[in-house]
Amino acid sequence: MLNREELYQAVYDILKHKLKIPTWKSFEENARLNEDLYMDSIMILQLILHLELDLGLNIPDDMLVPKDFHTVETLLNFLEELSKNSYEKERHV
């Protein structure tokens, strides 16, 4: 299970080093993905793909809702919950 700090660092690293967004310096929990970091829907899908591959998360398409991708904070909340649920499922198998 990943904690919030690990998730924060993972998202930051993906945006800076893999997606190479020019606005990575604006990265903070209150930053809006679209308005502050200038991420469009394609970039958000790329971010999701990197999160799945790099962190081993499974993010089902039916769980992708816009409210979870509004700010870095809402994204981290979503990822924390997802990580927690994945961990609990693994423990019960």
PDB file of N, CA and C in Angstrom:
ATOM      1  N   MET A   1       0.854  -1.178   0.000  1.00  0.00           N
ATOM      2  CA  MET A   1       0.000   0.000   0.000  1.00  0.00           C
ATOM      3  C   MET A   1       0.901   1.243   0.000  1.00  0.00           C
ATOM      4  N   LEU A   2       0.602   2.174  -0.866  1.00  0.00           N
ATOM      5  CA  LEU A   2       1.394   3.392  -0.976  1.00  0.00           C
ATOM      6  C   LEU A   2       0.801   4.489  -0.105  1.00  0.00           C
ATOM      7  N   ASN A   3       1.672   5.231   0.589  1.00  0.00           N
ATOM      8  CA  ASN A   3       1.165   6.344   1.381  1.00  0.00           C
ATOM      9  C   ASN A   3       1.101   7.609   0.519  1.00  0.00           C
ATOM     10  N   ARG A   4       0.516   8.639   1.087  1.00  0.00           N
ATOM     11  CA  ARG A   4       0.287   9.869   0.326  1.00  0.00           C
ATOM     12  C   ARG A   4       1.592  10.494  -0.168  1.00  0.00           C
ATOM     13  N   GLU A   5       2.610  10.477   0.670  1.00  0.00           N
ATOM     14  CA  GLU A   5       3.889  11.065   0.280  1.00  0.00           C
ATOM     15  C   GLU A   5       4.501  10.326  -0.917  1.00  0.00           C
ATOM     16  N   GLU A   6       4.400   9.005  -0.910  1.00  0.00           N
ATOM     17  CA  GLU A   6       4.916   8.204  -2.034  1.00  0.00           C
ATOM     18  C   GLU A   6       4.121   8.479  -3.314  1.00  0.00           C
ATOM     19  N   LEU A   7       2.818   8.602  -3.167  1.00  0.00           N
ATOM     20  CA  LEU A   7       1.972   8.903  -4.327  1.00  0.00           C
ATOM     21  C   LEU A   7       2.271  10.293  -4.870  1.00  0.00           C
ATOM     22  N   TYR A   8       2.416  11.263  -3.966  1.00  0.00           N
ATOM     23  CA  TYR A   8       2.738  12.635  -4.360  1.00  0.00           C
ATOM     24  C   TYR A   8       4.043  12.657  -5.168  1.00  0.00           C
ATOM     25  N   GLN A   9       5.064  11.985  -4.649  1.00  0.00           N
ATOM     26  CA  GLN A   9       6.363  11.958  -5.318  1.00  0.00           C
ATOM     27  C   GLN A   9       6.269  11.239  -6.668  1.00  0.00           C
ATOM     28  N   ALA A  10       5.490  10.173  -6.724  1.00  0.00           N
ATOM     29  CA  ALA A  10       5.334   9.423  -7.975  1.00  0.00           C
ATOM     30  C   ALA A  10       4.663  10.274  -9.045  1.00  0.00           C
ATOM     31  N   VAL A  11       3.602  10.986  -8.680  1.00  0.00           N
ATOM     32  CA  VAL A  11       2.904  11.849  -9.644  1.00  0.00           C
ATOM     33  C   VAL A  11       3.842  12.962 -10.098  1.00  0.00           C
ATOM     34  N   TYR A  12       4.534  13.572  -9.165  1.00  0.00           N
ATOM     35  CA  TYR A  12       5.496  14.634  -9.484  1.00  0.00           C
ATOM     36  C   TYR A  12       6.553  14.130 -10.466  1.00  0.00           C
ATOM     37  N   ASP A  13       7.140  12.982 -10.159  1.00  0.00           N
ATOM     38  CA  ASP A  13       8.194  12.426 -11.016  1.00  0.00           C
ATOM     39  C   ASP A  13       7.680  12.112 -12.426  1.00  0.00           C
ATOM     40  N   ILE A  14       6.477  11.579 -12.511  1.00  0.00           N
ATOM     41  CA  ILE A  14       5.896  11.269 -13.825  1.00  0.00           C
ATOM     42  C   ILE A  14       5.693  12.547 -14.626  1.00  0.00           C
ATOM     43  N   LEU A  15       5.143  13.564 -13.986  1.00  0.00           N
ATOM     44  CA  LEU A  15       4.880  14.823 -14.700  1.00  0.00           C
ATOM     45  C   LEU A  15       6.184  15.492 -15.137  1.00  0.00           C
ATOM     46  N   LYS A  16       7.187  15.465 -14.273  1.00  0.00           N
ATOM     47  CA  LYS A  16       8.440  16.151 -14.579  1.00  0.00           C
ATOM     48  C   LYS A  16       9.327  15.365 -15.539  1.00  0.00           C
ATOM     49  N   HIS A  17       9.492  14.070 -15.291  1.00  0.00           N
ATOM     50  CA  HIS A  17      10.483  13.296 -16.031  1.00  0.00           C
ATOM     51  C   HIS A  17       9.936  12.480 -17.197  1.00  0.00           C
ATOM     52  N   LYS A  18       8.693  12.043 -17.100  1.00  0.00           N
ATOM     53  CA  LYS A  18       8.156  11.188 -18.162  1.00  0.00           C
ATOM     54  C   LYS A  18       7.273  11.973 -19.126  1.00  0.00           C
ATOM     55  N   LEU A  19       6.353  12.769 -18.581  1.00  0.00           N
ATOM     56  CA  LEU A  19       5.506  13.576 -19.458  1.00  0.00           C
ATOM     57  C   LEU A  19       6.175  14.897 -19.813  1.00  0.00           C
ATOM     58  N   LYS A  20       7.159  15.264 -19.007  1.00  0.00           N
ATOM     59  CA  LYS A  20       7.945  16.484 -19.230  1.00  0.00           C
ATOM     60  C   LYS A  20       7.084  17.722 -19.444  1.00  0.00           C
ATOM     61  N   ILE A  21       6.076  17.876 -18.561  1.00  0.00           N
ATOM     62  CA  ILE A  21       5.230  19.055 -18.705  1.00  0.00           C
ATOM     63  C   ILE A  21       6.029  20.292 -18.296  1.00  0.00           C
ATOM     64  N   PRO A  22       5.916  21.358 -19.060  1.00  0.00           N
ATOM     65  CA  PRO A  22       6.705  22.561 -18.775  1.00  0.00           C
ATOM     66  C   PRO A  22       6.244  23.288 -17.508  1.00  0.00           C
ATOM     67  N   THR A  23       5.073  22.952 -16.997  1.00  0.00           N
ATOM     68  CA  THR A  23       4.523  23.639 -15.827  1.00  0.00           C
ATOM     69  C   THR A  23       4.757  22.875 -14.529  1.00  0.00           C
ATOM     70  N   TRP A  24       5.685  21.918 -14.529  1.00  0.00           N
ATOM     71  CA  TRP A  24       5.907  21.086 -13.341  1.00  0.00           C
ATOM     72  C   TRP A  24       6.281  21.914 -12.112  1.00  0.00           C
ATOM     73  N   LYS A  25       6.819  23.098 -12.303  1.00  0.00           N
ATOM     74  CA  LYS A  25       7.194  23.945 -11.156  1.00  0.00           C
ATOM     75  C   LYS A  25       5.965  24.435 -10.392  1.00  0.00           C
ATOM     76  N   SER A  26       4.798  24.383 -11.028  1.00  0.00           N
ATOM     77  CA  SER A  26       3.551  24.793 -10.376  1.00  0.00           C
ATOM     78  C   SER A  26       2.920  23.651  -9.587  1.00  0.00           C
ATOM     79  N   PHE A  27       3.590  22.505  -9.568  1.00  0.00           N
ATOM     80  CA  PHE A  27       3.041  21.311  -8.922  1.00  0.00           C
ATOM     81  C   PHE A  27       2.955  21.497  -7.412  1.00  0.00           C
ATOM     82  N   GLU A  28       1.751  21.375  -6.890  1.00  0.00           N
ATOM     83  CA  GLU A  28       1.460  21.377  -5.457  1.00  0.00           C
ATOM     84  C   GLU A  28       0.064  20.797  -5.297  1.00  0.00           C
ATOM     85  N   GLU A  29      -0.328  20.473  -4.085  1.00  0.00           N
ATOM     86  CA  GLU A  29      -1.617  19.799  -3.898  1.00  0.00           C
ATOM     87  C   GLU A  29      -2.804  20.629  -4.397  1.00  0.00           C
ATOM     88  N   ASN A  30      -2.722  21.941  -4.313  1.00  0.00           N
ATOM     89  CA  ASN A  30      -3.836  22.787  -4.747  1.00  0.00           C
ATOM     90  C   ASN A  30      -3.836  23.066  -6.255  1.00  0.00           C
ATOM     91  N   ALA A  31      -2.801  22.648  -6.943  1.00  0.00           N
ATOM     92  CA  ALA A  31      -2.706  22.923  -8.384  1.00  0.00           C
ATOM     93  C   ALA A  31      -3.802  22.165  -9.141  1.00  0.00           C
ATOM     94  N   ARG A  32      -4.482  22.895 -10.009  1.00  0.00           N
ATOM     95  CA  ARG A  32      -5.504  22.280 -10.858  1.00  0.00           C
ATOM     96  C   ARG A  32      -4.803  21.669 -12.073  1.00  0.00           C
ATOM     97  N   LEU A  33      -5.157  20.433 -12.376  1.00  0.00           N
ATOM     98  CA  LEU A  33      -4.477  19.730 -13.465  1.00  0.00           C
ATOM     99  C   LEU A  33      -4.649  20.459 -14.790  1.00  0.00           C
ATOM    100  N   ASN A  34      -5.855  20.917 -15.066  1.00  0.00           N
ATOM    101  CA  ASN A  34      -6.102  21.559 -16.356  1.00  0.00           C
ATOM    102  C   ASN A  34      -5.663  23.020 -16.366  1.00  0.00           C
ATOM    103  N   GLU A  35      -6.135  23.789 -15.407  1.00  0.00           N
ATOM    104  CA  GLU A  35      -5.915  25.233 -15.437  1.00  0.00           C
ATOM    105  C   GLU A  35      -4.510  25.669 -15.019  1.00  0.00           C
ATOM    106  N   ASP A  36      -3.916  24.987 -14.029  1.00  0.00           N
ATOM    107  CA  ASP A  36      -2.601  25.400 -13.524  1.00  0.00           C
ATOM    108  C   ASP A  36      -1.445  24.632 -14.156  1.00  0.00           C
ATOM    109  N   LEU A  37      -1.650  23.336 -14.361  1.00  0.00           N
ATOM    110  CA  LEU A  37      -0.580  22.510 -14.932  1.00  0.00           C
ATOM    111  C   LEU A  37      -0.750  22.327 -16.446  1.00  0.00           C
ATOM    112  N   TYR A  38      -1.831  22.847 -16.988  1.00  0.00           N
ATOM    113  CA  TYR A  38      -2.106  22.812 -18.433  1.00  0.00           C
ATOM    114  C   TYR A  38      -2.097  21.395 -18.997  1.00  0.00           C
ATOM    115  N   MET A  39      -2.714  20.472 -18.259  1.00  0.00           N
ATOM    116  CA  MET A  39      -2.823  19.099 -18.728  1.00  0.00           C
ATOM    117  C   MET A  39      -4.160  18.926 -19.437  1.00  0.00           C
ATOM    118  N   ASP A  40      -4.122  18.411 -20.657  1.00  0.00           N
ATOM    119  CA  ASP A  40      -5.365  18.118 -21.356  1.00  0.00           C
ATOM    120  C   ASP A  40      -5.750  16.661 -21.096  1.00  0.00           C
ATOM    121  N   SER A  41      -6.850  16.218 -21.668  1.00  0.00           N
ATOM    122  CA  SER A  41      -7.348  14.869 -21.397  1.00  0.00           C
ATOM    123  C   SER A  41      -6.365  13.787 -21.842  1.00  0.00           C
ATOM    124  N   ILE A  42      -5.647  14.014 -22.921  1.00  0.00           N
ATOM    125  CA  ILE A  42      -4.658  13.036 -23.395  1.00  0.00           C
ATOM    126  C   ILE A  42      -3.521  12.911 -22.380  1.00  0.00           C
ATOM    127  N   MET A  43      -3.065  14.029 -21.861  1.00  0.00           N
ATOM    128  CA  MET A  43      -1.983  14.010 -20.874  1.00  0.00           C
ATOM    129  C   MET A  43      -2.431  13.314 -19.581  1.00  0.00           C
ATOM    130  N   ILE A  44      -3.686  13.513 -19.206  1.00  0.00           N
ATOM    131  CA  ILE A  44      -4.200  12.854 -18.006  1.00  0.00           C
ATOM    132  C   ILE A  44      -4.263  11.340 -18.236  1.00  0.00           C
ATOM    133  N   LEU A  45      -4.649  10.926 -19.434  1.00  0.00           N
ATOM    134  CA  LEU A  45      -4.651   9.488 -19.749  1.00  0.00           C
ATOM    135  C   LEU A  45      -3.228   8.923 -19.725  1.00  0.00           C
ATOM    136  N   GLN A  46      -2.270   9.696 -20.216  1.00  0.00           N
ATOM    137  CA  GLN A  46      -0.872   9.265 -20.159  1.00  0.00           C
ATOM    138  C   GLN A  46      -0.404   9.141 -18.706  1.00  0.00           C
ATOM    139  N   LEU A  47      -0.814  10.085 -17.873  1.00  0.00           N
ATOM    140  CA  LEU A  47      -0.485  10.041 -16.454  1.00  0.00           C
ATOM    141  C   LEU A  47      -1.057   8.769 -15.826  1.00  0.00           C
ATOM    142  N   ILE A  48      -2.302   8.461 -16.132  1.00  0.00           N
ATOM    143  CA  ILE A  48      -2.952   7.257 -15.595  1.00  0.00           C
ATOM    144  C   ILE A  48      -2.186   6.005 -16.029  1.00  0.00           C
ATOM    145  N   LEU A  49      -1.802   5.950 -17.283  1.00  0.00           N
ATOM    146  CA  LEU A  49      -1.050   4.799 -17.791  1.00  0.00           C
ATOM    147  C   LEU A  49       0.272   4.642 -17.040  1.00  0.00           C
ATOM    148  N   HIS A  50       0.997   5.743 -16.847  1.00  0.00           N
ATOM    149  CA  HIS A  50       2.262   5.693 -16.108  1.00  0.00           C
ATOM    150  C   HIS A  50       2.037   5.262 -14.656  1.00  0.00           C
ATOM    151  N   LEU A  51       0.965   5.742 -14.029  1.00  0.00           N
ATOM    152  CA  LEU A  51       0.672   5.354 -12.656  1.00  0.00           C
ATOM    153  C   LEU A  51       0.414   3.851 -12.573  1.00  0.00           C
ATOM    154  N   GLU A  52      -0.310   3.331 -13.538  1.00  0.00           N
ATOM    155  CA  GLU A  52      -0.586   1.893 -13.557  1.00  0.00           C
ATOM    156  C   GLU A  52       0.707   1.093 -13.734  1.00  0.00           C
ATOM    157  N   LEU A  53       1.520   1.494 -14.702  1.00  0.00           N
ATOM    158  CA  LEU A  53       2.743   0.758 -15.000  1.00  0.00           C
ATOM    159  C   LEU A  53       3.801   0.919 -13.906  1.00  0.00           C
ATOM    160  N   ASP A  54       4.020   2.138 -13.470  1.00  0.00           N
ATOM    161  CA  ASP A  54       5.092   2.414 -12.509  1.00  0.00           C
ATOM    162  C   ASP A  54       4.765   1.952 -11.097  1.00  0.00           C
ATOM    163  N   LEU A  55       3.497   2.078 -10.706  1.00  0.00           N
ATOM    164  CA  LEU A  55       3.116   1.771  -9.327  1.00  0.00           C
ATOM    165  C   LEU A  55       2.390   0.437  -9.191  1.00  0.00           C
ATOM    166  N   GLY A  56       2.107  -0.187 -10.317  1.00  0.00           N
ATOM    167  CA  GLY A  56       1.408  -1.467 -10.272  1.00  0.00           C
ATOM    168  C   GLY A  56      -0.048  -1.340  -9.873  1.00  0.00           C
ATOM    169  N   LEU A  57      -0.613  -0.172 -10.080  1.00  0.00           N
ATOM    170  CA  LEU A  57      -2.022   0.038  -9.752  1.00  0.00           C
ATOM    171  C   LEU A  57      -2.894  -0.407 -10.921  1.00  0.00           C
ATOM    172  N   ASN A  58      -4.079  -0.881 -10.597  1.00  0.00           N
ATOM    173  CA  ASN A  58      -5.063  -1.188 -11.624  1.00  0.00           C
ATOM    174  C   ASN A  58      -6.171  -0.150 -11.486  1.00  0.00           C
ATOM    175  N   ILE A  59      -6.290   0.709 -12.478  1.00  0.00           N
ATOM    176  CA  ILE A  59      -7.287   1.778 -12.426  1.00  0.00           C
ATOM    177  C   ILE A  59      -8.360   1.462 -13.467  1.00  0.00           C
ATOM    178  N   PRO A  60      -9.467   0.856 -13.033  1.00  0.00           N
ATOM    179  CA  PRO A  60     -10.533   0.492 -13.972  1.00  0.00           C
ATOM    180  C   PRO A  60     -11.141   1.731 -14.632  1.00  0.00           C
ATOM    181  N   ASP A  61     -11.457   1.602 -15.915  1.00  0.00           N
ATOM    182  CA  ASP A  61     -12.038   2.715 -16.665  1.00  0.00           C
ATOM    183  C   ASP A  61     -13.299   3.263 -16.012  1.00  0.00           C
ATOM    184  N   ASP A  62     -14.113   2.376 -15.423  1.00  0.00           N
ATOM    185  CA  ASP A  62     -15.371   2.842 -14.830  1.00  0.00           C
ATOM    186  C   ASP A  62     -15.161   3.642 -13.543  1.00  0.00           C
ATOM    187  N   MET A  63     -13.935   3.681 -13.036  1.00  0.00           N
ATOM    188  CA  MET A  63     -13.633   4.483 -11.841  1.00  0.00           C
ATOM    189  C   MET A  63     -13.119   5.877 -12.199  1.00  0.00           C
ATOM    190  N   LEU A  64     -12.892   6.125 -13.470  1.00  0.00           N
ATOM    191  CA  LEU A  64     -12.354   7.415 -13.894  1.00  0.00           C
ATOM    192  C   LEU A  64     -13.480   8.434 -14.011  1.00  0.00           C
ATOM    193  N   VAL A  65     -13.522   9.342 -13.054  1.00  0.00           N
ATOM    194  CA  VAL A  65     -14.521  10.407 -13.068  1.00  0.00           C
ATOM    195  C   VAL A  65     -13.810  11.754 -12.963  1.00  0.00           C
ATOM    196  N   PRO A  66     -14.310  12.754 -13.677  1.00  0.00           N
ATOM    197  CA  PRO A  66     -13.619  14.054 -13.734  1.00  0.00           C
ATOM    198  C   PRO A  66     -13.303  14.679 -12.382  1.00  0.00           C
ATOM    199  N   LYS A  67     -14.178  14.511 -11.388  1.00  0.00           N
ATOM    200  CA  LYS A  67     -13.944  15.160 -10.089  1.00  0.00           C
ATOM    201  C   LYS A  67     -12.645  14.694  -9.431  1.00  0.00           C
ATOM    202  N   ASP A  68     -12.211  13.468  -9.744  1.00  0.00           N
ATOM    203  CA  ASP A  68     -10.976  12.944  -9.160  1.00  0.00           C
ATOM    204  C   ASP A  68      -9.730  13.479  -9.848  1.00  0.00           C
ATOM    205  N   PHE A  69      -9.905  14.155 -10.957  1.00  0.00           N
ATOM    206  CA  PHE A  69      -8.773  14.665 -11.725  1.00  0.00           C
ATOM    207  C   PHE A  69      -8.830  16.180 -11.863  1.00  0.00           C
ATOM    208  N   HIS A  70      -9.404  16.822 -10.848  1.00  0.00           N
ATOM    209  CA  HIS A  70      -9.511  18.283 -10.872  1.00  0.00           C
ATOM    210  C   HIS A  70      -8.229  18.946 -10.357  1.00  0.00           C
ATOM    211  N   THR A  71      -7.757  18.490  -9.210  1.00  0.00           N
ATOM    212  CA  THR A  71      -6.532  19.043  -8.626  1.00  0.00           C
ATOM    213  C   THR A  71      -5.579  17.895  -8.273  1.00  0.00           C
ATOM    214  N   VAL A  72      -4.359  18.248  -7.943  1.00  0.00           N
ATOM    215  CA  VAL A  72      -3.405  17.236  -7.480  1.00  0.00           C
ATOM    216  C   VAL A  72      -3.964  16.576  -6.222  1.00  0.00           C
ATOM    217  N   GLU A  73      -4.579  17.357  -5.354  1.00  0.00           N
ATOM    218  CA  GLU A  73      -5.147  16.817  -4.113  1.00  0.00           C
ATOM    219  C   GLU A  73      -6.241  15.794  -4.386  1.00  0.00           C
ATOM    220  N   THR A  74      -7.178  16.091  -5.285  1.00  0.00           N
ATOM    221  CA  THR A  74      -8.251  15.131  -5.574  1.00  0.00           C
ATOM    222  C   THR A  74      -7.686  13.884  -6.240  1.00  0.00           C
ATOM    223  N   LEU A  75      -6.657  14.042  -7.050  1.00  0.00           N
ATOM    224  CA  LEU A  75      -5.999  12.887  -7.666  1.00  0.00           C
ATOM    225  C   LEU A  75      -5.338  12.022  -6.594  1.00  0.00           C
ATOM    226  N   LEU A  76      -4.641  12.646  -5.654  1.00  0.00           N
ATOM    227  CA  LEU A  76      -3.993  11.898  -4.579  1.00  0.00           C
ATOM    228  C   LEU A  76      -5.018  11.187  -3.700  1.00  0.00           C
ATOM    229  N   ASN A  77      -6.141  11.841  -3.424  1.00  0.00           N
ATOM    230  CA  ASN A  77      -7.210  11.209  -2.637  1.00  0.00           C
ATOM    231  C   ASN A  77      -7.707   9.953  -3.347  1.00  0.00           C
ATOM    232  N   PHE A  78      -7.927  10.071  -4.648  1.00  0.00           N
ATOM    233  CA  PHE A  78      -8.378   8.948  -5.470  1.00  0.00           C
ATOM    234  C   PHE A  78      -7.346   7.818  -5.438  1.00  0.00           C
ATOM    235  N   LEU A  79      -6.079   8.155  -5.637  1.00  0.00           N
ATOM    236  CA  LEU A  79      -5.027   7.141  -5.672  1.00  0.00           C
ATOM    237  C   LEU A  79      -4.837   6.478  -4.309  1.00  0.00           C
ATOM    238  N   GLU A  80      -4.957   7.252  -3.232  1.00  0.00           N
ATOM    239  CA  GLU A  80      -4.852   6.683  -1.882  1.00  0.00           C
ATOM    240  C   GLU A  80      -5.943   5.648  -1.648  1.00  0.00           C
ATOM    241  N   GLU A  81      -7.151   5.991  -2.022  1.00  0.00           N
ATOM    242  CA  GLU A  81      -8.280   5.081  -1.845  1.00  0.00           C
ATOM    243  C   GLU A  81      -8.099   3.827  -2.701  1.00  0.00           C
ATOM    244  N   LEU A  82      -7.671   4.031  -3.919  1.00  0.00           N
ATOM    245  CA  LEU A  82      -7.428   2.912  -4.834  1.00  0.00           C
ATOM    246  C   LEU A  82      -6.334   1.993  -4.290  1.00  0.00           C
ATOM    247  N   SER A  83      -5.251   2.580  -3.815  1.00  0.00           N
ATOM    248  CA  SER A  83      -4.149   1.805  -3.263  1.00  0.00           C
ATOM    249  C   SER A  83      -4.602   1.031  -2.024  1.00  0.00           C
ATOM    250  N   LYS A  84      -5.372   1.685  -1.187  1.00  0.00           N
ATOM    251  CA  LYS A  84      -5.888   1.049   0.031  1.00  0.00           C
ATOM    252  C   LYS A  84      -6.787  -0.132  -0.323  1.00  0.00           C
ATOM    253  N   ASN A  85      -7.699   0.069  -1.269  1.00  0.00           N
ATOM    254  CA  ASN A  85      -8.615  -1.003  -1.672  1.00  0.00           C
ATOM    255  C   ASN A  85      -7.866  -2.169  -2.309  1.00  0.00           C
ATOM    256  N   SER A  86      -6.863  -1.867  -3.121  1.00  0.00           N
ATOM    257  CA  SER A  86      -6.056  -2.917  -3.753  1.00  0.00           C
ATOM    258  C   SER A  86      -5.309  -3.727  -2.699  1.00  0.00           C
ATOM    259  N   TYR A  87      -4.768  -3.046  -1.716  1.00  0.00           N
ATOM    260  CA  TYR A  87      -4.024  -3.702  -0.645  1.00  0.00           C
ATOM    261  C   TYR A  87      -4.941  -4.626   0.153  1.00  0.00           C
ATOM    262  N   GLU A  88      -6.140  -4.137   0.472  1.00  0.00           N
ATOM    263  CA  GLU A  88      -7.086  -4.938   1.248  1.00  0.00           C
ATOM    264  C   GLU A  88      -7.542  -6.169   0.469  1.00  0.00           C
ATOM    265  N   LYS A  89      -7.745  -6.017  -0.847  1.00  0.00           N
ATOM    266  CA  LYS A  89      -8.127  -7.163  -1.672  1.00  0.00           C
ATOM    267  C   LYS A  89      -7.029  -8.211  -1.687  1.00  0.00           C
ATOM    268  N   GLU A  90      -5.773  -7.774  -1.796  1.00  0.00           N
ATOM    269  CA  GLU A  90      -4.638  -8.703  -1.819  1.00  0.00           C
ATOM    270  C   GLU A  90      -4.526  -9.464  -0.507  1.00  0.00           C
ATOM    271  N   ARG A  91      -4.812  -8.806   0.592  1.00  0.00           N
ATOM    272  CA  ARG A  91      -4.703  -9.446   1.912  1.00  0.00           C
ATOM    273  C   ARG A  91      -5.776 -10.510   2.114  1.00  0.00           C
ATOM    274  N   HIS A  92      -6.923 -10.358   1.449  1.00  0.00           N
ATOM    275  CA  HIS A  92      -8.021 -11.299   1.622  1.00  0.00           C
ATOM    276  C   HIS A  92      -8.016 -12.430   0.613  1.00  0.00           C
ATOM    277  N   VAL A  93      -7.027 -12.443  -0.248  1.00  0.00           N
ATOM    278  CA  VAL A  93      -6.949 -13.505  -1.265  1.00  0.00           C
ATOM    279  C   VAL A  93      -6.143 -14.670  -0.745  1.00  0.00           C
TER     280      VAL A  93
END
